[in-house]
Amino acid sequence: MGSIPPLLTLLMAVESGWVHRRQLRVIELIQAEYGLLKDGRRGKRVQFNDAQRALLARKDEAVGRKDSSDFDTIMSLARKY
């Protein structure tokens, strides 16, 4: 068996870095949602203020609509209704 060509090694490293960054953005979105839900669970319905909605919108935009629709987040559920 021969070794892996350097160009293929570089492409694999770039792709894995890209996937890793996308995963980190999804994790940040879910952590932000969890933190807001945990803080606001006093009543049955959670009311977000403008700053909290803006934070979730920024995180959701970083993830992208297509990717965030693959899993249920507050923002993806809000877009459905």
N, C-alpha and C. Protein backbone atom coordinates (compact mmCIF):
# COMPACT_ATOMS: atom_id res chain seq x y z
N MET A 1 0.84 -1.19 0.00
CA MET A 1 0.00 0.00 0.00
C MET A 1 0.88 1.24 0.00
N GLY A 2 0.53 2.19 -0.82
CA GLY A 2 1.27 3.44 -0.88
C GLY A 2 0.74 4.41 0.17
N SER A 3 1.45 5.49 0.32
CA SER A 3 1.02 6.50 1.27
C SER A 3 -0.03 7.40 0.62
N ILE A 4 -0.70 8.17 1.42
CA ILE A 4 -1.74 9.08 0.94
C ILE A 4 -1.06 10.29 0.29
N PRO A 5 -1.50 10.68 -0.90
CA PRO A 5 -0.88 11.85 -1.56
C PRO A 5 -1.05 13.12 -0.73
N PRO A 6 -0.07 14.02 -0.76
CA PRO A 6 -0.13 15.24 0.05
C PRO A 6 -1.35 16.11 -0.25
N LEU A 7 -1.77 16.19 -1.50
CA LEU A 7 -2.94 17.01 -1.85
C LEU A 7 -4.20 16.44 -1.20
N LEU A 8 -4.34 15.13 -1.22
CA LEU A 8 -5.50 14.50 -0.59
C LEU A 8 -5.47 14.72 0.92
N THR A 9 -4.30 14.66 1.51
CA THR A 9 -4.16 14.91 2.95
C THR A 9 -4.59 16.33 3.28
N LEU A 10 -4.17 17.29 2.46
CA LEU A 10 -4.55 18.69 2.67
C LEU A 10 -6.05 18.87 2.54
N LEU A 11 -6.64 18.29 1.52
CA LEU A 11 -8.10 18.41 1.33
C LEU A 11 -8.87 17.79 2.48
N MET A 12 -8.40 16.67 2.99
CA MET A 12 -9.07 16.04 4.13
C MET A 12 -8.96 16.90 5.37
N ALA A 13 -7.81 17.55 5.58
CA ALA A 13 -7.64 18.43 6.73
C ALA A 13 -8.53 19.65 6.64
N VAL A 14 -8.64 20.23 5.45
CA VAL A 14 -9.51 21.39 5.25
C VAL A 14 -10.97 21.01 5.49
N GLU A 15 -11.39 19.90 4.95
CA GLU A 15 -12.77 19.44 5.12
C GLU A 15 -13.09 19.15 6.58
N SER A 16 -12.19 18.51 7.27
CA SER A 16 -12.45 18.20 8.68
C SER A 16 -12.50 19.47 9.52
N GLY A 17 -11.69 20.47 9.19
CA GLY A 17 -11.74 21.76 9.89
C GLY A 17 -13.06 22.46 9.65
N TRP A 18 -13.55 22.41 8.42
CA TRP A 18 -14.83 23.03 8.07
C TRP A 18 -15.98 22.36 8.82
N VAL A 19 -15.99 21.04 8.85
CA VAL A 19 -17.04 20.30 9.56
C VAL A 19 -16.97 20.61 11.05
N HIS A 20 -15.78 20.69 11.60
CA HIS A 20 -15.62 20.98 13.02
C HIS A 20 -16.18 22.36 13.37
N ARG A 21 -15.91 23.36 12.53
CA ARG A 21 -16.45 24.71 12.79
C ARG A 21 -17.96 24.72 12.72
N ARG A 22 -18.54 24.00 11.78
CA ARG A 22 -20.01 23.94 11.67
C ARG A 22 -20.60 23.26 12.91
N GLN A 23 -19.97 22.21 13.37
CA GLN A 23 -20.45 21.52 14.57
C GLN A 23 -20.37 22.44 15.79
N LEU A 24 -19.31 23.22 15.89
CA LEU A 24 -19.19 24.15 17.01
C LEU A 24 -20.30 25.20 16.99
N ARG A 25 -20.67 25.70 15.81
CA ARG A 25 -21.76 26.67 15.72
C ARG A 25 -23.09 26.06 16.15
N VAL A 26 -23.34 24.82 15.77
CA VAL A 26 -24.57 24.14 16.18
C VAL A 26 -24.57 23.95 17.70
N ILE A 27 -23.45 23.55 18.26
CA ILE A 27 -23.35 23.37 19.71
C ILE A 27 -23.59 24.68 20.44
N GLU A 28 -23.02 25.79 19.92
CA GLU A 28 -23.23 27.10 20.55
C GLU A 28 -24.70 27.50 20.52
N LEU A 29 -25.39 27.22 19.41
CA LEU A 29 -26.82 27.52 19.31
C LEU A 29 -27.61 26.73 20.33
N ILE A 30 -27.35 25.46 20.43
CA ILE A 30 -28.09 24.62 21.37
C ILE A 30 -27.79 25.01 22.81
N GLN A 31 -26.54 25.35 23.12
CA GLN A 31 -26.21 25.80 24.47
C GLN A 31 -26.90 27.11 24.81
N ALA A 32 -26.96 28.03 23.85
CA ALA A 32 -27.64 29.31 24.09
C ALA A 32 -29.13 29.08 24.35
N GLU A 33 -29.75 28.22 23.55
CA GLU A 33 -31.17 27.92 23.75
C GLU A 33 -31.41 27.27 25.11
N TYR A 34 -30.57 26.33 25.45
CA TYR A 34 -30.72 25.64 26.72
C TYR A 34 -30.59 26.61 27.88
N GLY A 35 -29.59 27.50 27.80
CA GLY A 35 -29.41 28.48 28.86
C GLY A 35 -30.60 29.40 29.01
N LEU A 36 -31.17 29.85 27.89
CA LEU A 36 -32.34 30.73 27.95
C LEU A 36 -33.56 29.99 28.48
N LEU A 37 -33.73 28.76 28.06
CA LEU A 37 -34.86 27.97 28.55
C LEU A 37 -34.72 27.69 30.05
N LYS A 38 -33.52 27.38 30.47
CA LYS A 38 -33.27 27.09 31.88
C LYS A 38 -33.56 28.32 32.74
N ASP A 39 -33.16 29.51 32.25
CA ASP A 39 -33.40 30.75 32.99
C ASP A 39 -34.88 31.13 33.02
N GLY A 40 -35.61 30.79 31.97
CA GLY A 40 -36.98 31.27 31.86
C GLY A 40 -38.05 30.25 32.12
N ARG A 41 -37.75 29.18 32.78
CA ARG A 41 -38.76 28.14 32.96
C ARG A 41 -39.64 28.33 34.19
N ARG A 42 -39.79 29.56 34.64
CA ARG A 42 -40.62 29.81 35.82
C ARG A 42 -42.08 29.45 35.56
N GLY A 43 -42.59 29.82 34.43
CA GLY A 43 -43.97 29.52 34.09
C GLY A 43 -44.03 28.46 33.01
N LYS A 44 -45.21 28.23 32.49
CA LYS A 44 -45.34 27.24 31.43
C LYS A 44 -44.80 27.76 30.11
N ARG A 45 -45.03 29.04 29.83
CA ARG A 45 -44.58 29.61 28.57
C ARG A 45 -43.37 30.50 28.81
N VAL A 46 -42.34 30.31 28.01
CA VAL A 46 -41.12 31.09 28.16
C VAL A 46 -41.25 32.34 27.29
N GLN A 47 -41.04 33.50 27.90
CA GLN A 47 -41.08 34.76 27.17
C GLN A 47 -39.65 35.28 27.04
N PHE A 48 -39.21 35.47 25.80
CA PHE A 48 -37.87 35.99 25.57
C PHE A 48 -37.93 37.50 25.38
N ASN A 49 -36.92 38.19 25.88
CA ASN A 49 -36.85 39.63 25.62
C ASN A 49 -36.12 39.85 24.29
N ASP A 50 -36.02 41.11 23.86
CA ASP A 50 -35.42 41.40 22.56
C ASP A 50 -33.97 40.98 22.47
N ALA A 51 -33.22 41.17 23.56
CA ALA A 51 -31.80 40.79 23.55
C ALA A 51 -31.65 39.27 23.40
N GLN A 52 -32.50 38.51 24.06
CA GLN A 52 -32.43 37.06 23.96
C GLN A 52 -32.82 36.59 22.56
N ARG A 53 -33.86 37.21 21.98
CA ARG A 53 -34.25 36.85 20.62
C ARG A 53 -33.14 37.19 19.63
N ALA A 54 -32.48 38.33 19.83
CA ALA A 54 -31.38 38.72 18.95
C ALA A 54 -30.21 37.73 19.06
N LEU A 55 -29.92 37.29 20.27
CA LEU A 55 -28.85 36.31 20.47
C LEU A 55 -29.16 35.01 19.73
N LEU A 56 -30.38 34.52 19.89
CA LEU A 56 -30.76 33.28 19.21
C LEU A 56 -30.76 33.47 17.69
N ALA A 57 -31.18 34.63 17.22
CA ALA A 57 -31.19 34.88 15.78
C ALA A 57 -29.77 34.88 15.22
N ARG A 58 -28.82 35.49 15.94
CA ARG A 58 -27.43 35.50 15.49
C ARG A 58 -26.86 34.09 15.45
N LYS A 59 -27.14 33.32 16.48
CA LYS A 59 -26.63 31.94 16.52
C LYS A 59 -27.26 31.10 15.42
N ASP A 60 -28.57 31.28 15.20
CA ASP A 60 -29.27 30.52 14.17
C ASP A 60 -28.77 30.91 12.78
N GLU A 61 -28.49 32.17 12.57
CA GLU A 61 -27.98 32.62 11.28
C GLU A 61 -26.60 32.04 11.02
N ALA A 62 -25.78 31.93 12.06
CA ALA A 62 -24.45 31.35 11.90
C ALA A 62 -24.53 29.88 11.50
N VAL A 63 -25.52 29.18 12.02
CA VAL A 63 -25.70 27.77 11.68
C VAL A 63 -26.26 27.64 10.28
N GLY A 64 -27.22 28.49 9.93
CA GLY A 64 -27.86 28.43 8.61
C GLY A 64 -29.21 27.77 8.71
N ARG A 65 -30.13 28.25 7.92
CA ARG A 65 -31.51 27.74 7.97
C ARG A 65 -31.59 26.27 7.56
N LYS A 66 -30.85 25.90 6.54
CA LYS A 66 -30.91 24.52 6.07
C LYS A 66 -30.43 23.55 7.14
N ASP A 67 -29.31 23.89 7.77
CA ASP A 67 -28.75 22.99 8.77
C ASP A 67 -29.57 22.97 10.05
N SER A 68 -30.11 24.13 10.46
CA SER A 68 -30.88 24.14 11.71
C SER A 68 -32.24 23.49 11.53
N SER A 69 -32.69 23.33 10.28
CA SER A 69 -33.97 22.64 10.08
C SER A 69 -33.81 21.13 10.20
N ASP A 70 -32.56 20.65 10.22
CA ASP A 70 -32.32 19.22 10.38
C ASP A 70 -32.55 18.74 11.80
N PHE A 71 -32.54 19.65 12.76
CA PHE A 71 -32.80 19.28 14.15
C PHE A 71 -33.72 20.33 14.75
N ASP A 72 -34.49 19.95 15.75
CA ASP A 72 -35.47 20.85 16.34
C ASP A 72 -34.82 21.77 17.35
N THR A 73 -34.81 23.05 17.01
CA THR A 73 -34.35 24.07 17.93
C THR A 73 -35.50 25.04 18.12
N ILE A 74 -35.37 25.94 19.04
CA ILE A 74 -36.42 26.93 19.27
C ILE A 74 -36.65 27.73 17.99
N MET A 75 -35.57 28.12 17.33
CA MET A 75 -35.69 28.95 16.13
C MET A 75 -36.34 28.18 14.99
N SER A 76 -36.00 26.91 14.83
CA SER A 76 -36.60 26.15 13.72
C SER A 76 -38.07 25.89 14.02
N LEU A 77 -38.42 25.69 15.28
CA LEU A 77 -39.83 25.52 15.62
C LEU A 77 -40.59 26.82 15.45
N ALA A 78 -39.96 27.94 15.74
CA ALA A 78 -40.62 29.24 15.58
C ALA A 78 -40.88 29.54 14.10
N ARG A 79 -40.00 29.10 13.21
CA ARG A 79 -40.22 29.35 11.78
C ARG A 79 -41.37 28.52 11.24
N LYS A 80 -41.67 27.38 11.86
CA LYS A 80 -42.75 26.52 11.38
C LYS A 80 -44.12 27.11 11.66
N TYR A 81 -44.22 27.95 12.69
CA TYR A 81 -45.54 28.47 13.07
C TYR A 81 -45.70 29.90 12.77
